[in-house]
Amino acid sequence: MAIQDDAANKQKAIQNRQDQADGGKQKSESGGSEQKAAQTGVQQPAGDFPAQHLAKPGLEAQMALKPKFMAEGYKGSGKLAGQVAIVTGGDSGIGRAVAILFAREGADVAILYLNEHEDAAETQRYIEAEGQQCVTVAGDVKDMEFCQQAVDQIVARFGRLDVLVNNAAFQEHADSLLDLTEDRFDETMKTNIYGYFHMAKASLPYMKRGAAIVNTGSVTGLKGAKKLLDYSTTKGAIHAFTMSLAANLLEQGIRVNAVAPGPVWTPLNPADQSPEDIAKFGQATTFGRPAQPEELSPAYVYLASSVCSGYVTGVVLPITGSVGE
């Protein structure tokens, strides 16, 4: 069995234990907002979402309501022309939306993912439809050797590396700190922060002046989340890693920034929350709804392109759906 399948099975086991612990507990504590959802741009899905629970790591192909990732109104203008980007967790969700816009801006894109082969193949088709090349590499970012081999393989194929997007993540809720075993804490920490460290370390020798690293943080790393103790911890660490690495690499001309999303409709969430809770997902935001991946992806283009953000580094950009956050 491949190492990435071992990792996926481990995540499913963590999920199953938590689902069993949740079995007799009162659901739907999120208390969705009664307000009408705000629409300030392209009309996006709102109201109650399908009450669905996905097996980890979560397939976008299995979601009853598919996330919106195409950003049809976004027109490319060559902001990443001739460049090569790696997107971890690029098979689905935010990663898929980002990869497609990078291709629309002229970049060839490599997708790293765990074992969601169907989603990765779909993302590759969309990237190639934008007229760019795409390679997909399955593996576990917890493993430094895999990260190094993947980056080496990608650079051997394309001859360069300009942008790294660290986006792969593991999330599973817990009611109590006492529910977090050492093994479970390690899975979250090593996927979410070690994975970013591994990919940055493997990529850095190939990156030249003008290159960029964009990390996916979270509103939970800014504010905390009472049922995402380990996940929030890693996201806060990602924010600090972003700012520290930005200072460290500035003299080399390499920028490092992060996006801190609020609730976004991706497989990560129905693979975590109960069907009852996911139906009200995102309704507690000021917008009264979650974001769609296509509402996040232009921010990654901005931070990846030195044409747009050449004077921006060490920034954690919050896109949370709530005023003042």
Protein backbone atom coordinates (compact mmCIF):
# COMPACT_ATOMS: atom_id res chain seq x y z
CA MET A 1 0.00 0.00 0.00
CA ALA A 2 1.34 3.44 -0.93
CA ILE A 3 2.39 5.77 1.87
CA GLN A 4 -0.32 8.27 0.88
CA ASP A 5 -3.00 5.56 1.25
CA ASP A 6 -1.66 4.78 4.72
CA ALA A 7 -2.01 8.48 5.60
CA ALA A 8 -5.56 8.63 4.22
CA ASN A 9 -6.57 5.54 6.18
CA LYS A 10 -5.07 7.05 9.34
CA GLN A 11 -7.15 10.19 8.81
CA LYS A 12 -10.30 8.09 8.28
CA ALA A 13 -9.59 6.26 11.55
CA ILE A 14 -9.30 9.58 13.43
CA GLN A 15 -12.55 10.72 11.83
CA ASN A 16 -14.35 7.47 12.73
CA ARG A 17 -13.31 7.71 16.38
CA GLN A 18 -14.57 11.30 16.57
CA ASP A 19 -17.83 10.40 14.80
CA GLN A 20 -18.43 7.68 17.39
CA ALA A 21 -17.67 10.12 20.23
CA ASP A 22 -20.13 12.58 18.71
CA GLY A 23 -22.84 9.94 18.43
CA GLY A 24 -24.88 10.76 21.52
CA LYS A 25 -24.24 14.49 21.64
CA GLN A 26 -26.54 17.37 20.78
CA LYS A 27 -25.90 18.59 17.24
CA SER A 28 -26.22 21.89 15.41
CA GLU A 29 -24.69 24.10 18.08
CA SER A 30 -23.51 26.60 15.48
CA GLY A 31 -26.80 28.50 15.45
CA GLY A 32 -26.97 29.71 11.89
CA SER A 33 -27.77 33.33 11.15
CA GLU A 34 -31.33 34.29 10.22
CA GLN A 35 -30.17 37.23 8.14
CA LYS A 36 -30.23 37.19 4.38
CA ALA A 37 -26.82 36.28 3.03
CA ALA A 38 -24.80 39.16 1.60
CA GLN A 39 -23.97 39.13 -2.10
CA THR A 40 -21.46 41.83 -3.07
CA GLY A 41 -20.26 40.36 -6.34
CA VAL A 42 -21.10 37.28 -8.36
CA GLN A 43 -24.16 35.55 -6.90
CA GLN A 44 -23.01 32.69 -4.65
CA PRO A 45 -24.82 29.80 -2.95
CA ALA A 46 -26.44 30.69 0.37
CA GLY A 47 -28.96 29.31 2.84
CA ASP A 48 -28.77 25.77 4.18
CA PHE A 49 -26.21 23.55 2.47
CA PRO A 50 -26.63 19.80 1.86
CA ALA A 51 -26.46 17.80 5.09
CA GLN A 52 -23.61 15.55 4.01
CA HIS A 53 -20.69 13.87 5.76
CA LEU A 54 -17.71 12.80 3.62
CA ALA A 55 -15.10 10.19 4.46
CA LYS A 56 -11.64 11.69 4.84
CA PRO A 57 -9.68 13.06 3.13
CA GLY A 58 -12.84 14.16 1.26
CA LEU A 59 -13.56 14.08 -2.45
CA GLU A 60 -14.96 17.12 -4.22
CA ALA A 61 -16.46 14.72 -6.77
CA GLN A 62 -18.69 13.31 -4.02
CA MET A 63 -20.04 16.66 -2.75
CA ALA A 64 -23.78 17.06 -3.25
CA LEU A 65 -23.29 20.79 -3.85
CA LYS A 66 -20.12 21.31 -5.85
CA PRO A 67 -17.89 24.25 -4.88
CA LYS A 68 -17.56 27.09 -7.38
CA PHE A 69 -13.97 27.37 -8.56
CA MET A 70 -13.93 28.60 -12.17
CA ALA A 71 -14.19 32.38 -11.54
CA GLU A 72 -15.64 32.84 -15.02
CA GLY A 73 -15.53 36.62 -14.75
CA TYR A 74 -11.78 36.65 -14.01
CA LYS A 75 -9.76 37.45 -17.13
CA GLY A 76 -6.09 36.56 -17.21
CA SER A 77 -3.49 39.15 -18.22
CA GLY A 78 -0.19 37.29 -18.10
CA LYS A 79 0.65 38.06 -14.47
CA LEU A 80 2.41 34.68 -14.16
CA ALA A 81 3.38 34.19 -17.79
CA GLY A 82 6.16 31.65 -18.28
CA GLN A 83 6.29 30.74 -14.60
CA VAL A 84 5.95 27.39 -12.82
CA ALA A 85 3.89 26.93 -9.65
CA ILE A 86 3.41 24.10 -7.18
CA VAL A 87 0.11 23.92 -5.29
CA THR A 88 -0.18 21.39 -2.46
CA GLY A 89 -3.69 20.18 -1.82
CA GLY A 90 -4.34 21.38 -5.36
CA ASP A 91 -6.73 18.60 -6.28
CA SER A 92 -9.81 20.31 -4.84
CA GLY A 93 -11.20 23.24 -2.88
CA ILE A 94 -9.11 26.39 -2.62
CA GLY A 95 -6.11 24.64 -4.16
CA ARG A 96 -8.04 23.74 -7.30
CA ALA A 97 -9.38 27.27 -7.73
CA VAL A 98 -5.90 28.74 -7.25
CA ALA A 99 -4.29 26.33 -9.69
CA ILE A 100 -6.82 27.18 -12.40
CA LEU A 101 -6.31 30.94 -12.03
CA PHE A 102 -2.53 30.50 -12.04
CA ALA A 103 -2.91 28.68 -15.36
CA ARG A 104 -5.18 31.44 -16.65
CA GLU A 105 -2.38 33.88 -15.80
CA GLY A 106 0.11 31.87 -17.86
CA ALA A 107 1.76 29.50 -15.37
CA ASP A 108 2.35 25.78 -15.72
CA VAL A 109 1.12 24.12 -12.52
CA ALA A 110 2.11 21.04 -10.54
CA ILE A 111 -0.54 19.61 -8.21
CA LEU A 112 0.49 17.73 -5.06
CA TYR A 113 -2.26 15.75 -3.35
CA LEU A 114 -2.71 12.80 -0.97
CA ASN A 115 -4.72 10.11 -2.80
CA GLU A 116 -7.77 11.89 -4.26
CA HIS A 117 -6.92 10.74 -7.78
CA GLU A 118 -10.32 11.52 -9.31
CA ASP A 119 -10.26 15.12 -8.10
CA ALA A 120 -6.64 15.61 -9.17
CA ALA A 121 -7.36 14.35 -12.69
CA GLU A 122 -10.31 16.75 -12.93
CA THR A 123 -8.18 19.69 -11.85
CA GLN A 124 -5.54 18.72 -14.41
CA ARG A 125 -8.17 18.78 -17.16
CA TYR A 126 -9.23 22.31 -16.19
CA ILE A 127 -5.64 23.55 -16.11
CA GLU A 128 -4.89 22.07 -19.51
CA ALA A 129 -8.09 23.64 -20.84
CA GLU A 130 -6.53 27.00 -19.90
CA GLY A 131 -3.72 26.18 -22.32
CA GLN A 132 -1.06 25.32 -19.72
CA GLN A 133 0.80 22.18 -18.70
CA CYS A 134 -0.02 20.32 -15.50
CA VAL A 135 1.53 17.42 -13.63
CA THR A 136 -0.03 15.68 -10.64
CA VAL A 137 2.01 14.02 -7.90
CA ALA A 138 0.41 11.89 -5.18
CA GLY A 139 2.05 11.64 -1.78
CA ASP A 140 2.13 12.74 1.83
CA VAL A 141 3.62 16.15 2.66
CA LYS A 142 4.37 14.90 6.19
CA ASP A 143 7.25 13.01 4.54
CA MET A 144 10.27 15.23 3.79
CA GLU A 145 11.68 12.67 1.35
CA PHE A 146 8.47 12.74 -0.70
CA CYS A 147 8.47 16.55 -0.77
CA GLN A 148 12.07 16.68 -1.93
CA GLN A 149 11.54 14.06 -4.63
CA ALA A 150 8.35 15.75 -5.83
CA VAL A 151 9.99 19.17 -6.12
CA ASP A 152 13.04 17.69 -7.85
CA GLN A 153 10.76 15.87 -10.31
CA ILE A 154 8.75 19.00 -11.07
CA VAL A 155 11.82 21.17 -11.65
CA ALA A 156 13.35 18.46 -13.85
CA ARG A 157 10.15 18.54 -15.93
CA PHE A 158 9.68 22.31 -16.21
CA GLY A 159 13.18 23.68 -15.62
CA ARG A 160 12.26 26.23 -12.96
CA LEU A 161 10.12 26.99 -9.90
CA ASP A 162 8.62 30.41 -9.28
CA VAL A 163 5.67 30.00 -6.91
CA LEU A 164 4.93 27.61 -4.06
CA VAL A 165 1.44 27.52 -2.58
CA ASN A 166 1.31 25.55 0.68
CA ASN A 167 -2.32 24.57 1.06
CA ALA A 168 -2.64 20.88 2.06
CA ALA A 169 -4.36 20.44 5.42
CA PHE A 170 -5.93 18.01 7.88
CA GLN A 171 -8.81 19.10 10.12
CA GLU A 172 -10.95 17.17 12.60
CA HIS A 173 -12.99 18.81 15.37
CA ALA A 174 -12.92 17.83 19.04
CA ASP A 175 -15.15 18.91 21.92
CA SER A 176 -12.39 18.65 24.50
CA LEU A 177 -8.62 18.79 24.75
CA LEU A 178 -8.91 15.36 26.36
CA ASP A 179 -10.12 13.98 23.02
CA LEU A 180 -6.81 14.86 21.36
CA THR A 181 -4.49 11.87 21.47
CA GLU A 182 -0.79 12.29 20.79
CA ASP A 183 -1.24 10.45 17.51
CA ARG A 184 -4.06 12.71 16.39
CA PHE A 185 -2.23 15.89 17.37
CA ASP A 186 0.80 14.68 15.42
CA GLU A 187 -1.30 14.06 12.30
CA THR A 188 -2.61 17.63 12.34
CA MET A 189 0.70 19.24 13.24
CA LYS A 190 2.81 17.26 10.78
CA THR A 191 0.39 17.71 7.89
CA ASN A 192 -0.36 21.39 8.41
CA ILE A 193 2.92 22.89 9.58
CA TYR A 194 5.61 20.27 8.96
CA GLY A 195 4.23 19.91 5.43
CA TYR A 196 4.69 23.65 4.83
CA PHE A 197 8.19 23.51 6.28
CA HIS A 198 9.12 20.50 4.14
CA MET A 199 7.82 22.03 0.92
CA ALA A 200 9.46 25.41 1.53
CA LYS A 201 12.79 23.76 2.35
CA ALA A 202 12.65 21.54 -0.75
CA SER A 203 11.61 24.42 -3.01
CA LEU A 204 13.93 27.17 -1.81
CA PRO A 205 17.12 26.07 -3.61
CA TYR A 206 15.30 26.38 -6.94
CA MET A 207 13.68 29.76 -6.29
CA LYS A 208 15.23 32.95 -7.62
CA ARG A 209 14.68 36.66 -7.05
CA GLY A 210 11.02 37.47 -7.77
CA ALA A 211 9.75 34.08 -6.58
CA ALA A 212 6.95 33.82 -4.05
CA ILE A 213 5.61 31.49 -1.38
CA VAL A 214 1.92 31.78 -0.47
CA ASN A 215 0.67 29.88 2.58
CA THR A 216 -2.93 29.08 3.45
CA GLY A 217 -3.62 30.19 7.00
CA SER A 218 -7.05 30.56 8.59
CA VAL A 219 -9.28 32.81 10.62
CA THR A 220 -8.89 30.12 13.28
CA GLY A 221 -5.21 31.05 13.47
CA LEU A 222 -6.21 34.66 14.12
CA LYS A 223 -9.04 34.11 16.59
CA GLY A 224 -8.89 30.46 17.66
CA ALA A 225 -11.79 28.02 17.46
CA LYS A 226 -13.02 26.14 20.52
CA LYS A 227 -13.58 22.84 18.69
CA LEU A 228 -10.51 23.06 16.43
CA LEU A 229 -7.81 23.16 19.08
CA ASP A 230 -5.04 21.43 17.13
CA TYR A 231 -6.03 22.84 13.73
CA SER A 232 -6.10 26.41 15.07
CA THR A 233 -2.72 25.87 16.69
CA THR A 234 -1.20 24.88 13.36
CA LYS A 235 -2.76 27.83 11.56
CA GLY A 236 -1.36 30.26 14.11
CA ALA A 237 2.02 28.59 13.59
CA ILE A 238 1.63 29.02 9.82
CA HIS A 239 1.05 32.74 10.28
CA ALA A 240 4.19 33.07 12.41
CA PHE A 241 6.16 30.90 9.97
CA THR A 242 5.01 33.16 7.14
CA MET A 243 6.18 36.35 8.80
CA SER A 244 9.46 34.84 9.98
CA LEU A 245 10.32 33.28 6.63
CA ALA A 246 9.41 36.54 4.87
CA ALA A 247 12.00 38.39 6.93
CA ASN A 248 14.51 35.61 6.41
CA LEU A 249 14.20 35.57 2.61
CA LEU A 250 13.73 39.26 1.88
CA GLU A 251 17.37 39.88 0.95
CA GLN A 252 17.13 37.02 -1.55
CA GLY A 253 14.22 38.77 -3.24
CA ILE A 254 11.71 36.04 -2.35
CA ARG A 255 8.39 37.12 -0.89
CA VAL A 256 6.36 35.04 1.62
CA ASN A 257 2.72 35.81 2.43
CA ALA A 258 -0.39 34.04 3.61
CA VAL A 259 -4.14 34.12 3.05
CA ALA A 260 -6.32 33.55 6.12
CA PRO A 261 -9.74 32.40 4.90
CA GLY A 262 -12.89 32.19 6.95
CA PRO A 263 -15.35 29.38 6.19
CA VAL A 264 -14.97 28.20 2.58
CA TRP A 265 -17.11 25.56 0.87
CA THR A 266 -14.56 22.79 0.20
CA PRO A 267 -14.37 19.03 0.92
CA LEU A 268 -12.40 19.77 4.11
CA ASN A 269 -15.52 20.83 5.99
CA PRO A 270 -18.13 18.16 5.18
CA ALA A 271 -15.31 15.69 5.86
CA ASP A 272 -15.13 17.15 9.38
CA GLN A 273 -18.51 18.41 10.56
CA SER A 274 -21.71 16.46 11.11
CA PRO A 275 -24.46 16.61 8.46
CA GLU A 276 -26.56 18.74 10.84
CA ASP A 277 -23.79 21.28 11.44
CA ILE A 278 -22.59 21.47 7.84
CA ALA A 279 -26.08 22.50 6.72
CA LYS A 280 -25.56 25.81 8.58
CA PHE A 281 -21.92 26.19 7.55
CA GLY A 282 -20.73 29.78 7.30
CA GLN A 283 -24.02 31.34 8.37
CA ALA A 284 -22.47 32.89 11.49
CA THR A 285 -20.28 35.20 9.39
CA THR A 286 -21.25 38.79 8.67
CA PHE A 287 -21.93 37.70 5.10
CA GLY A 288 -24.28 34.99 6.41
CA ARG A 289 -22.74 32.40 4.11
CA PRO A 290 -19.42 30.68 3.42
CA ALA A 291 -17.08 31.79 0.66
CA GLN A 292 -16.70 29.80 -2.52
CA PRO A 293 -13.14 28.89 -3.58
CA GLU A 294 -13.37 31.27 -6.55
CA GLU A 295 -13.79 34.16 -4.11
CA LEU A 296 -10.38 33.35 -2.56
CA SER A 297 -8.26 32.44 -5.58
CA PRO A 298 -7.67 35.99 -6.93
CA ALA A 299 -5.94 36.85 -3.65
CA TYR A 300 -3.42 34.08 -4.28
CA VAL A 301 -2.76 35.46 -7.76
CA TYR A 302 -2.15 38.89 -6.22
CA LEU A 303 0.33 37.51 -3.68
CA ALA A 304 2.04 35.21 -6.19
CA SER A 305 2.63 37.88 -8.82
CA SER A 306 5.52 40.29 -8.29
CA VAL A 307 3.77 42.60 -10.77
CA CYS A 308 0.92 42.98 -8.27
CA SER A 309 2.56 42.60 -4.86
CA GLY A 310 6.27 43.24 -5.32
CA TYR A 311 6.25 45.45 -2.20
CA VAL A 312 4.25 43.01 -0.05
CA THR A 313 5.82 40.36 2.18
CA GLY A 314 5.13 38.92 5.62
CA VAL A 315 1.43 39.73 5.31
CA VAL A 316 -1.42 37.52 6.54
CA LEU A 317 -4.35 38.60 4.41
CA PRO A 318 -7.70 37.88 6.12
CA ILE A 319 -10.61 36.99 3.84
CA THR A 320 -13.03 35.86 6.48
CA GLY A 321 -16.51 37.02 5.49
CA SER A 322 -16.85 38.99 8.71
CA VAL A 323 -16.40 42.69 9.32
CA GLY A 324 -13.32 43.54 11.38
CA GLU A 325 -11.74 40.11 11.14
